[in-house]
Amino acid sequence: MSKPVLAYLLLGSNLGDRAGLLRQARAQLAAVAGPLAAESGLYETAAWGREDQPAFLNQAVAVRTALSPDALLAACLATEQQAGRERLEHWGSRTLDVDILFFGEEIIDTPSLCVPHPRLAARRFALVPLAEIAGSLRHPRLGETIDALLARCPDLLPVHPWTGD
């Protein structure tokens, strides 16, 4: 095992018991990947990419993990699968989506994993919850903080704190 790294993940769901699926995902990721060091509130967000689908609940979490980046990706994919995730169409509705936003300060470009997440700076639904728990975190490629990226994010889709169904 290697020295633990702080990795930031984005959880999202727009099918079924969205809040329950995110709760289960947090528990499973903590059990498999390592303890959660921080978690944002839940945010209801308009669907991005394909707007003709139900709104998402999104949440950012920080996990202190000793897993390698590839092993963390495998844990994320297993968590999605356990929640019934089916990959039927690009940007389609889903029970659970788990994206790795950051893995420490590493820059990873492999066929299976690109970290930092390549479209993070253009997605308000990811930046808002991430800013809640890591606003001063610097993007290792762009050199800007999450707060600064959020302030100039071109995405105008609404992101609201979730008050419950």
N, C-alpha and C. Protein backbone atom coordinates (compact mmCIF):
# COMPACT_ATOMS: atom_id res chain seq x y z
N MET A 1 0.83 -1.19 0.00
CA MET A 1 0.00 0.00 0.00
C MET A 1 0.87 1.24 0.00
N SER A 2 0.40 2.24 -0.70
CA SER A 2 1.15 3.48 -0.76
C SER A 2 0.62 4.48 0.27
N LYS A 3 1.30 5.60 0.37
CA LYS A 3 0.90 6.66 1.29
C LYS A 3 -0.46 7.20 0.86
N PRO A 4 -1.39 7.42 1.80
CA PRO A 4 -2.72 7.92 1.42
C PRO A 4 -2.67 9.26 0.70
N VAL A 5 -3.55 9.39 -0.26
CA VAL A 5 -3.70 10.59 -1.08
C VAL A 5 -5.13 11.09 -0.90
N LEU A 6 -5.31 12.39 -0.95
CA LEU A 6 -6.64 12.96 -0.91
C LEU A 6 -7.16 13.05 -2.35
N ALA A 7 -8.21 12.29 -2.62
CA ALA A 7 -8.83 12.30 -3.94
C ALA A 7 -10.22 12.93 -3.82
N TYR A 8 -10.58 13.70 -4.82
CA TYR A 8 -11.90 14.33 -4.85
C TYR A 8 -12.75 13.65 -5.91
N LEU A 9 -13.95 13.29 -5.52
CA LEU A 9 -14.89 12.60 -6.40
C LEU A 9 -16.17 13.40 -6.52
N LEU A 10 -16.86 13.24 -7.64
CA LEU A 10 -18.19 13.81 -7.81
C LEU A 10 -19.16 12.66 -7.95
N LEU A 11 -20.20 12.67 -7.12
CA LEU A 11 -21.26 11.67 -7.18
C LEU A 11 -22.49 12.32 -7.81
N GLY A 12 -23.19 11.57 -8.64
CA GLY A 12 -24.41 12.10 -9.25
C GLY A 12 -25.42 11.01 -9.49
N SER A 13 -26.70 11.39 -9.42
CA SER A 13 -27.79 10.44 -9.66
C SER A 13 -29.01 11.21 -10.15
N ASN A 14 -29.69 10.66 -11.17
CA ASN A 14 -30.97 11.25 -11.57
C ASN A 14 -32.05 10.22 -11.80
N LEU A 15 -31.87 9.01 -11.29
CA LEU A 15 -32.89 7.97 -11.38
C LEU A 15 -33.09 7.33 -10.01
N GLY A 16 -34.31 6.96 -9.69
CA GLY A 16 -34.59 6.24 -8.45
C GLY A 16 -34.48 7.15 -7.23
N ASP A 17 -34.14 6.55 -6.11
CA ASP A 17 -33.96 7.28 -4.84
C ASP A 17 -32.60 7.95 -4.87
N ARG A 18 -32.55 9.12 -5.49
CA ARG A 18 -31.27 9.80 -5.74
C ARG A 18 -30.46 9.99 -4.46
N ALA A 19 -31.09 10.52 -3.43
CA ALA A 19 -30.36 10.77 -2.17
C ALA A 19 -29.91 9.46 -1.54
N GLY A 20 -30.76 8.45 -1.58
CA GLY A 20 -30.40 7.14 -1.03
C GLY A 20 -29.25 6.51 -1.78
N LEU A 21 -29.23 6.65 -3.10
CA LEU A 21 -28.13 6.10 -3.90
C LEU A 21 -26.82 6.81 -3.60
N LEU A 22 -26.87 8.12 -3.39
CA LEU A 22 -25.65 8.85 -3.04
C LEU A 22 -25.17 8.43 -1.64
N ARG A 23 -26.09 8.23 -0.72
CA ARG A 23 -25.73 7.79 0.64
C ARG A 23 -25.05 6.41 0.57
N GLN A 24 -25.64 5.49 -0.20
CA GLN A 24 -25.04 4.15 -0.35
C GLN A 24 -23.67 4.25 -1.00
N ALA A 25 -23.53 5.12 -1.99
CA ALA A 25 -22.24 5.28 -2.67
C ALA A 25 -21.18 5.78 -1.70
N ARG A 26 -21.54 6.76 -0.87
CA ARG A 26 -20.57 7.27 0.11
C ARG A 26 -20.11 6.16 1.04
N ALA A 27 -21.05 5.36 1.52
CA ALA A 27 -20.70 4.28 2.44
C ALA A 27 -19.82 3.24 1.76
N GLN A 28 -20.16 2.87 0.53
CA GLN A 28 -19.37 1.85 -0.17
C GLN A 28 -17.97 2.38 -0.50
N LEU A 29 -17.88 3.62 -0.95
CA LEU A 29 -16.56 4.18 -1.27
C LEU A 29 -15.70 4.30 -0.02
N ALA A 30 -16.29 4.69 1.10
CA ALA A 30 -15.53 4.78 2.35
C ALA A 30 -15.02 3.41 2.78
N ALA A 31 -15.83 2.38 2.56
CA ALA A 31 -15.44 1.02 2.96
C ALA A 31 -14.34 0.46 2.05
N VAL A 32 -14.36 0.81 0.78
CA VAL A 32 -13.44 0.21 -0.18
C VAL A 32 -12.22 1.10 -0.45
N ALA A 33 -12.45 2.41 -0.60
CA ALA A 33 -11.37 3.31 -1.02
C ALA A 33 -10.67 3.97 0.14
N GLY A 34 -11.36 4.19 1.24
CA GLY A 34 -10.77 4.86 2.39
C GLY A 34 -11.76 5.84 2.99
N PRO A 35 -11.42 6.38 4.15
CA PRO A 35 -12.36 7.25 4.85
C PRO A 35 -12.63 8.55 4.10
N LEU A 36 -13.86 9.01 4.22
CA LEU A 36 -14.21 10.30 3.64
C LEU A 36 -13.67 11.40 4.54
N ALA A 37 -12.93 12.32 3.96
CA ALA A 37 -12.35 13.44 4.70
C ALA A 37 -13.26 14.65 4.66
N ALA A 38 -14.14 14.72 3.67
CA ALA A 38 -15.08 15.84 3.54
C ALA A 38 -16.19 15.43 2.58
N GLU A 39 -17.35 16.03 2.78
CA GLU A 39 -18.44 15.84 1.83
C GLU A 39 -19.27 17.11 1.77
N SER A 40 -19.63 17.50 0.56
CA SER A 40 -20.47 18.69 0.38
C SER A 40 -21.91 18.33 0.69
N GLY A 41 -22.74 19.34 0.71
CA GLY A 41 -24.17 19.10 0.74
C GLY A 41 -24.61 18.54 -0.60
N LEU A 42 -25.88 18.22 -0.71
CA LEU A 42 -26.44 17.74 -1.97
C LEU A 42 -26.96 18.93 -2.76
N TYR A 43 -26.76 18.88 -4.06
CA TYR A 43 -27.20 19.95 -4.95
C TYR A 43 -28.06 19.35 -6.05
N GLU A 44 -29.18 20.00 -6.32
CA GLU A 44 -30.01 19.58 -7.45
C GLU A 44 -29.58 20.41 -8.64
N THR A 45 -29.34 19.72 -9.73
CA THR A 45 -28.78 20.37 -10.91
C THR A 45 -29.51 19.92 -12.16
N ALA A 46 -29.66 20.85 -13.06
CA ALA A 46 -30.24 20.50 -14.36
C ALA A 46 -29.29 19.53 -15.07
N ALA A 47 -29.87 18.65 -15.86
CA ALA A 47 -29.05 17.69 -16.61
C ALA A 47 -28.18 18.45 -17.60
N TRP A 48 -26.92 18.04 -17.70
CA TRP A 48 -25.94 18.69 -18.57
C TRP A 48 -25.70 17.77 -19.76
N GLY A 49 -25.60 18.34 -20.94
CA GLY A 49 -25.31 17.54 -22.13
C GLY A 49 -26.56 17.06 -22.83
N ARG A 50 -27.47 16.47 -22.10
CA ARG A 50 -28.79 16.06 -22.59
C ARG A 50 -29.81 16.55 -21.59
N GLU A 51 -30.47 17.64 -21.93
CA GLU A 51 -31.34 18.31 -20.97
C GLU A 51 -32.74 17.71 -20.90
N ASP A 52 -33.04 16.71 -21.73
CA ASP A 52 -34.38 16.10 -21.74
C ASP A 52 -34.47 14.91 -20.79
N GLN A 53 -34.00 15.10 -19.57
CA GLN A 53 -34.01 14.03 -18.58
C GLN A 53 -34.19 14.64 -17.20
N PRO A 54 -34.47 13.82 -16.20
CA PRO A 54 -34.69 14.35 -14.84
C PRO A 54 -33.45 15.05 -14.29
N ALA A 55 -33.69 15.96 -13.34
CA ALA A 55 -32.61 16.68 -12.67
C ALA A 55 -31.75 15.71 -11.86
N PHE A 56 -30.50 16.07 -11.70
CA PHE A 56 -29.55 15.28 -10.93
C PHE A 56 -29.45 15.79 -9.50
N LEU A 57 -29.08 14.90 -8.61
CA LEU A 57 -28.50 15.29 -7.33
C LEU A 57 -27.01 15.04 -7.47
N ASN A 58 -26.22 16.03 -7.09
CA ASN A 58 -24.76 15.91 -7.14
C ASN A 58 -24.17 16.23 -5.78
N GLN A 59 -23.01 15.62 -5.52
CA GLN A 59 -22.30 15.83 -4.28
C GLN A 59 -20.82 15.59 -4.53
N ALA A 60 -19.98 16.45 -3.94
CA ALA A 60 -18.53 16.23 -3.99
C ALA A 60 -18.09 15.63 -2.67
N VAL A 61 -17.16 14.69 -2.75
CA VAL A 61 -16.58 14.09 -1.55
C VAL A 61 -15.06 14.03 -1.72
N ALA A 62 -14.38 14.09 -0.58
CA ALA A 62 -12.93 13.89 -0.56
C ALA A 62 -12.70 12.58 0.18
N VAL A 63 -11.92 11.70 -0.42
CA VAL A 63 -11.60 10.42 0.20
C VAL A 63 -10.09 10.33 0.39
N ARG A 64 -9.69 9.89 1.57
CA ARG A 64 -8.26 9.68 1.85
C ARG A 64 -7.99 8.21 1.50
N THR A 65 -7.29 8.01 0.39
CA THR A 65 -7.15 6.65 -0.14
C THR A 65 -5.70 6.24 -0.31
N ALA A 66 -5.45 4.97 -0.05
CA ALA A 66 -4.14 4.38 -0.33
C ALA A 66 -4.18 3.60 -1.64
N LEU A 67 -5.33 3.61 -2.31
CA LEU A 67 -5.46 2.94 -3.60
C LEU A 67 -4.69 3.69 -4.67
N SER A 68 -4.27 2.98 -5.68
CA SER A 68 -3.69 3.61 -6.86
C SER A 68 -4.82 4.30 -7.63
N PRO A 69 -4.49 5.20 -8.55
CA PRO A 69 -5.54 5.82 -9.35
C PRO A 69 -6.41 4.79 -10.08
N ASP A 70 -5.78 3.77 -10.68
CA ASP A 70 -6.56 2.75 -11.40
C ASP A 70 -7.43 1.94 -10.45
N ALA A 71 -6.93 1.63 -9.26
CA ALA A 71 -7.72 0.89 -8.28
C ALA A 71 -8.89 1.75 -7.78
N LEU A 72 -8.67 3.06 -7.62
CA LEU A 72 -9.77 3.94 -7.22
C LEU A 72 -10.81 4.00 -8.33
N LEU A 73 -10.38 4.08 -9.58
CA LEU A 73 -11.32 4.05 -10.70
C LEU A 73 -12.14 2.76 -10.67
N ALA A 74 -11.49 1.63 -10.44
CA ALA A 74 -12.21 0.35 -10.36
C ALA A 74 -13.23 0.36 -9.22
N ALA A 75 -12.86 0.96 -8.09
CA ALA A 75 -13.80 1.06 -6.96
C ALA A 75 -14.99 1.94 -7.33
N CYS A 76 -14.74 3.03 -8.05
CA CYS A 76 -15.83 3.91 -8.49
C CYS A 76 -16.77 3.18 -9.45
N LEU A 77 -16.20 2.45 -10.40
CA LEU A 77 -17.02 1.71 -11.37
C LEU A 77 -17.81 0.60 -10.69
N ALA A 78 -17.21 -0.08 -9.72
CA ALA A 78 -17.92 -1.13 -8.98
C ALA A 78 -19.06 -0.53 -8.17
N THR A 79 -18.84 0.64 -7.61
CA THR A 79 -19.90 1.33 -6.85
C THR A 79 -21.05 1.69 -7.77
N GLU A 80 -20.74 2.19 -8.96
CA GLU A 80 -21.80 2.48 -9.95
C GLU A 80 -22.57 1.22 -10.31
N GLN A 81 -21.84 0.15 -10.56
CA GLN A 81 -22.48 -1.11 -10.97
C GLN A 81 -23.38 -1.64 -9.86
N GLN A 82 -22.93 -1.56 -8.62
CA GLN A 82 -23.74 -2.04 -7.50
C GLN A 82 -25.04 -1.23 -7.38
N ALA A 83 -25.00 0.03 -7.80
CA ALA A 83 -26.20 0.88 -7.76
C ALA A 83 -27.09 0.67 -8.98
N GLY A 84 -26.73 -0.27 -9.85
CA GLY A 84 -27.56 -0.56 -11.02
C GLY A 84 -27.27 0.30 -12.23
N ARG A 85 -26.11 0.91 -12.29
CA ARG A 85 -25.75 1.77 -13.42
C ARG A 85 -25.69 0.97 -14.70
N GLU A 86 -26.37 1.47 -15.72
CA GLU A 86 -26.30 0.89 -17.06
C GLU A 86 -25.82 1.99 -18.00
N ARG A 87 -24.84 1.68 -18.80
CA ARG A 87 -24.30 2.66 -19.74
C ARG A 87 -24.95 2.44 -21.11
N LEU A 88 -26.11 3.06 -21.29
CA LEU A 88 -26.89 2.87 -22.50
C LEU A 88 -26.66 3.98 -23.52
N GLU A 89 -26.46 5.20 -23.06
CA GLU A 89 -26.23 6.32 -23.97
C GLU A 89 -25.35 7.36 -23.29
N HIS A 90 -24.54 8.04 -24.11
CA HIS A 90 -23.64 9.08 -23.60
C HIS A 90 -24.46 10.19 -22.96
N TRP A 91 -24.10 10.57 -21.73
CA TRP A 91 -24.77 11.61 -20.96
C TRP A 91 -26.23 11.28 -20.69
N GLY A 92 -26.59 10.01 -20.69
CA GLY A 92 -27.96 9.60 -20.42
C GLY A 92 -28.25 9.57 -18.93
N SER A 93 -29.51 9.30 -18.60
CA SER A 93 -29.92 9.17 -17.20
C SER A 93 -29.18 8.01 -16.55
N ARG A 94 -28.99 8.10 -15.23
CA ARG A 94 -28.26 7.03 -14.54
C ARG A 94 -28.59 7.02 -13.05
N THR A 95 -28.54 5.82 -12.51
CA THR A 95 -28.76 5.67 -11.07
C THR A 95 -27.59 6.26 -10.29
N LEU A 96 -26.38 6.10 -10.82
CA LEU A 96 -25.20 6.62 -10.12
C LEU A 96 -24.08 6.86 -11.11
N ASP A 97 -23.41 7.98 -10.89
CA ASP A 97 -22.20 8.32 -11.64
C ASP A 97 -21.17 8.74 -10.61
N VAL A 98 -19.97 8.20 -10.69
CA VAL A 98 -18.88 8.58 -9.79
C VAL A 98 -17.68 8.94 -10.66
N ASP A 99 -17.30 10.22 -10.61
CA ASP A 99 -16.16 10.71 -11.38
C ASP A 99 -15.02 11.08 -10.45
N ILE A 100 -13.81 10.75 -10.85
CA ILE A 100 -12.62 11.20 -10.13
C ILE A 100 -12.27 12.59 -10.67
N LEU A 101 -12.35 13.60 -9.81
CA LEU A 101 -12.03 14.96 -10.22
C LEU A 101 -10.54 15.25 -10.05
N PHE A 102 -9.99 14.87 -8.89
CA PHE A 102 -8.58 15.05 -8.59
C PHE A 102 -8.07 13.84 -7.84
N PHE A 103 -6.80 13.52 -8.04
CA PHE A 103 -6.11 12.47 -7.28
C PHE A 103 -4.84 13.11 -6.76
N GLY A 104 -4.93 13.67 -5.55
CA GLY A 104 -3.82 14.46 -5.04
C GLY A 104 -3.54 15.58 -6.03
N GLU A 105 -2.27 15.79 -6.32
CA GLU A 105 -1.89 16.81 -7.31
C GLU A 105 -1.45 16.17 -8.62
N GLU A 106 -1.76 14.88 -8.77
CA GLU A 106 -1.29 14.16 -9.95
C GLU A 106 -2.03 14.58 -11.22
N ILE A 107 -1.30 14.51 -12.31
CA ILE A 107 -1.87 14.66 -13.64
C ILE A 107 -1.73 13.30 -14.31
N ILE A 108 -2.86 12.73 -14.67
CA ILE A 108 -2.90 11.37 -15.22
C ILE A 108 -3.59 11.41 -16.57
N ASP A 109 -2.92 10.91 -17.59
CA ASP A 109 -3.49 10.80 -18.93
C ASP A 109 -3.22 9.41 -19.46
N THR A 110 -4.18 8.52 -19.27
CA THR A 110 -4.08 7.17 -19.80
C THR A 110 -5.35 6.90 -20.60
N PRO A 111 -5.39 5.83 -21.36
CA PRO A 111 -6.62 5.53 -22.11
C PRO A 111 -7.84 5.33 -21.20
N SER A 112 -7.63 4.90 -19.96
CA SER A 112 -8.77 4.63 -19.08
C SER A 112 -9.05 5.74 -18.07
N LEU A 113 -8.12 6.66 -17.88
CA LEU A 113 -8.30 7.66 -16.82
C LEU A 113 -7.59 8.96 -17.16
N CYS A 114 -8.33 10.06 -17.02
CA CYS A 114 -7.77 11.40 -17.22
C CYS A 114 -8.11 12.23 -15.99
N VAL A 115 -7.07 12.60 -15.24
CA VAL A 115 -7.23 13.36 -14.00
C VAL A 115 -6.20 14.48 -14.02
N PRO A 116 -6.59 15.69 -13.66
CA PRO A 116 -7.91 16.16 -13.26
C PRO A 116 -8.95 15.91 -14.35
N HIS A 117 -10.21 15.85 -13.91
CA HIS A 117 -11.29 15.61 -14.87
C HIS A 117 -11.20 16.67 -15.96
N PRO A 118 -11.16 16.26 -17.23
CA PRO A 118 -10.89 17.21 -18.32
C PRO A 118 -11.95 18.29 -18.53
N ARG A 119 -13.18 18.07 -18.11
CA ARG A 119 -14.24 19.06 -18.34
C ARG A 119 -14.70 19.75 -17.04
N LEU A 120 -13.94 19.58 -15.97
CA LEU A 120 -14.34 20.15 -14.68
C LEU A 120 -14.59 21.65 -14.75
N ALA A 121 -13.68 22.41 -15.36
CA ALA A 121 -13.78 23.87 -15.37
C ALA A 121 -15.01 24.38 -16.11
N ALA A 122 -15.65 23.54 -16.90
CA ALA A 122 -16.82 23.95 -17.69
C ALA A 122 -18.13 23.40 -17.13
N ARG A 123 -18.10 22.86 -15.92
CA ARG A 123 -19.30 22.22 -15.37
C ARG A 123 -19.63 22.77 -13.98
N ARG A 124 -20.60 23.65 -13.96
CA ARG A 124 -21.05 24.27 -12.70
C ARG A 124 -21.53 23.22 -11.70
N PHE A 125 -22.20 22.16 -12.20
CA PHE A 125 -22.73 21.13 -11.29
C PHE A 125 -21.64 20.40 -10.53
N ALA A 126 -20.42 20.43 -11.04
CA ALA A 126 -19.27 19.83 -10.33
C ALA A 126 -18.54 20.87 -9.49
N LEU A 127 -18.39 22.07 -10.02
CA LEU A 127 -17.63 23.11 -9.32
C LEU A 127 -18.33 23.61 -8.05
N VAL A 128 -19.66 23.74 -8.07
CA VAL A 128 -20.36 24.28 -6.90
C VAL A 128 -20.16 23.38 -5.68
N PRO A 129 -20.46 22.07 -5.77
CA PRO A 129 -20.22 21.25 -4.57
C PRO A 129 -18.74 21.11 -4.22
N LEU A 130 -17.86 21.09 -5.22
CA LEU A 130 -16.44 21.00 -4.94
C LEU A 130 -15.94 22.26 -4.23
N ALA A 131 -16.43 23.42 -4.64
CA ALA A 131 -16.03 24.68 -4.00
C ALA A 131 -16.45 24.70 -2.54
N GLU A 132 -17.54 24.03 -2.21
CA GLU A 132 -17.99 23.99 -0.82
C GLU A 132 -16.96 23.32 0.09
N ILE A 133 -16.30 22.29 -0.41
CA ILE A 133 -15.36 21.54 0.44
C ILE A 133 -13.89 21.82 0.12
N ALA A 134 -13.63 22.45 -1.03
CA ALA A 134 -12.22 22.66 -1.42
C ALA A 134 -12.07 23.88 -2.33
N GLY A 135 -12.67 24.98 -1.94
CA GLY A 135 -12.63 26.18 -2.78
C GLY A 135 -11.24 26.70 -3.05
N SER A 136 -10.31 26.51 -2.12
CA SER A 136 -8.95 27.03 -2.31
C SER A 136 -8.01 26.02 -2.96
N LEU A 137 -8.52 24.83 -3.27
CA LEU A 137 -7.72 23.81 -3.95
C LEU A 137 -7.31 24.32 -5.33
N ARG A 138 -6.04 24.15 -5.69
CA ARG A 138 -5.54 24.58 -7.00
C ARG A 138 -5.60 23.44 -8.01
N HIS A 139 -6.14 23.74 -9.15
CA HIS A 139 -6.18 22.80 -10.26
C HIS A 139 -4.75 22.64 -10.77
N PRO A 140 -4.19 21.41 -10.75
CA PRO A 140 -2.77 21.26 -11.11
C PRO A 140 -2.43 21.56 -12.57
N ARG A 141 -3.39 21.50 -13.45
CA ARG A 141 -3.13 21.86 -14.85
C ARG A 141 -3.33 23.35 -15.10
N LEU A 142 -4.42 23.90 -14.55
CA LEU A 142 -4.81 25.27 -14.85
C LEU A 142 -4.20 26.29 -13.89
N GLY A 143 -3.75 25.84 -12.73
CA GLY A 143 -3.11 26.73 -11.77
C GLY A 143 -4.06 27.66 -11.04
N GLU A 144 -5.35 27.48 -11.20
CA GLU A 144 -6.34 28.34 -10.55
C GLU A 144 -7.08 27.56 -9.47
N THR A 145 -7.62 28.30 -8.50
CA THR A 145 -8.40 27.65 -7.45
C THR A 145 -9.78 27.26 -7.98
N ILE A 146 -10.41 26.36 -7.26
CA ILE A 146 -11.77 25.96 -7.62
C ILE A 146 -12.69 27.17 -7.56
N ASP A 147 -12.54 28.02 -6.54
CA ASP A 147 -13.36 29.23 -6.45
C ASP A 147 -13.19 30.11 -7.69
N ALA A 148 -11.97 30.27 -8.16
CA ALA A 148 -11.73 31.10 -9.35
C ALA A 148 -12.33 30.46 -10.59
N LEU A 149 -12.20 29.14 -10.72
CA LEU A 149 -12.81 28.46 -11.87
C LEU A 149 -14.33 28.60 -11.85
N LEU A 150 -14.91 28.49 -10.67
CA LEU A 150 -16.36 28.65 -10.55
C LEU A 150 -16.79 30.06 -10.93
N ALA A 151 -16.02 31.06 -10.52
CA ALA A 151 -16.38 32.46 -10.81
C ALA A 151 -16.42 32.75 -12.30
N ARG A 152 -15.64 32.02 -13.08
CA ARG A 152 -15.64 32.27 -14.54
C ARG A 152 -16.16 31.09 -15.35
N CYS A 153 -16.91 30.21 -14.70
CA CYS A 153 -17.45 29.03 -15.39
C CYS A 153 -18.46 29.46 -16.45
N PRO A 154 -18.30 28.97 -17.68
CA PRO A 154 -19.22 29.35 -18.75
C PRO A 154 -20.59 28.66 -18.67
N ASP A 155 -20.71 27.62 -17.89
CA ASP A 155 -21.95 26.86 -17.75
C ASP A 155 -22.94 27.68 -16.91
N LEU A 156 -24.11 27.94 -17.45
CA LEU A 156 -25.10 28.74 -16.75
C LEU A 156 -26.28 27.92 -16.23
N LEU A 157 -26.21 26.59 -16.34
CA LEU A 157 -27.31 25.77 -15.84
C LEU A 157 -27.43 25.93 -14.33
N PRO A 158 -28.66 25.95 -13.82
CA PRO A 158 -28.86 26.18 -12.38
C PRO A 158 -28.37 25.02 -11.51
N VAL A 159 -27.80 25.39 -10.37
CA VAL A 159 -27.34 24.45 -9.35
C VAL A 159 -27.85 25.00 -8.02
N HIS A 160 -28.73 24.24 -7.35
CA HIS A 160 -29.35 24.71 -6.11
C HIS A 160 -29.12 23.71 -4.97
N PRO A 161 -28.93 24.22 -3.75
CA PRO A 161 -28.89 23.29 -2.62
C PRO A 161 -30.20 22.49 -2.60
N TRP A 162 -30.08 21.19 -2.35
CA TRP A 162 -31.24 20.31 -2.36
C TRP A 162 -31.92 20.36 -1.01
N THR A 163 -33.22 20.51 -1.01
CA THR A 163 -33.97 20.60 0.24
C THR A 163 -34.78 19.33 0.51
N GLY A 164 -34.65 18.34 -0.33
CA GLY A 164 -35.36 17.08 -0.14
C GLY A 164 -36.54 16.96 -1.09
N ASP A 165 -36.87 15.72 -1.41
CA ASP A 165 -38.01 15.46 -2.32
C ASP A 165 -39.32 15.55 -1.60
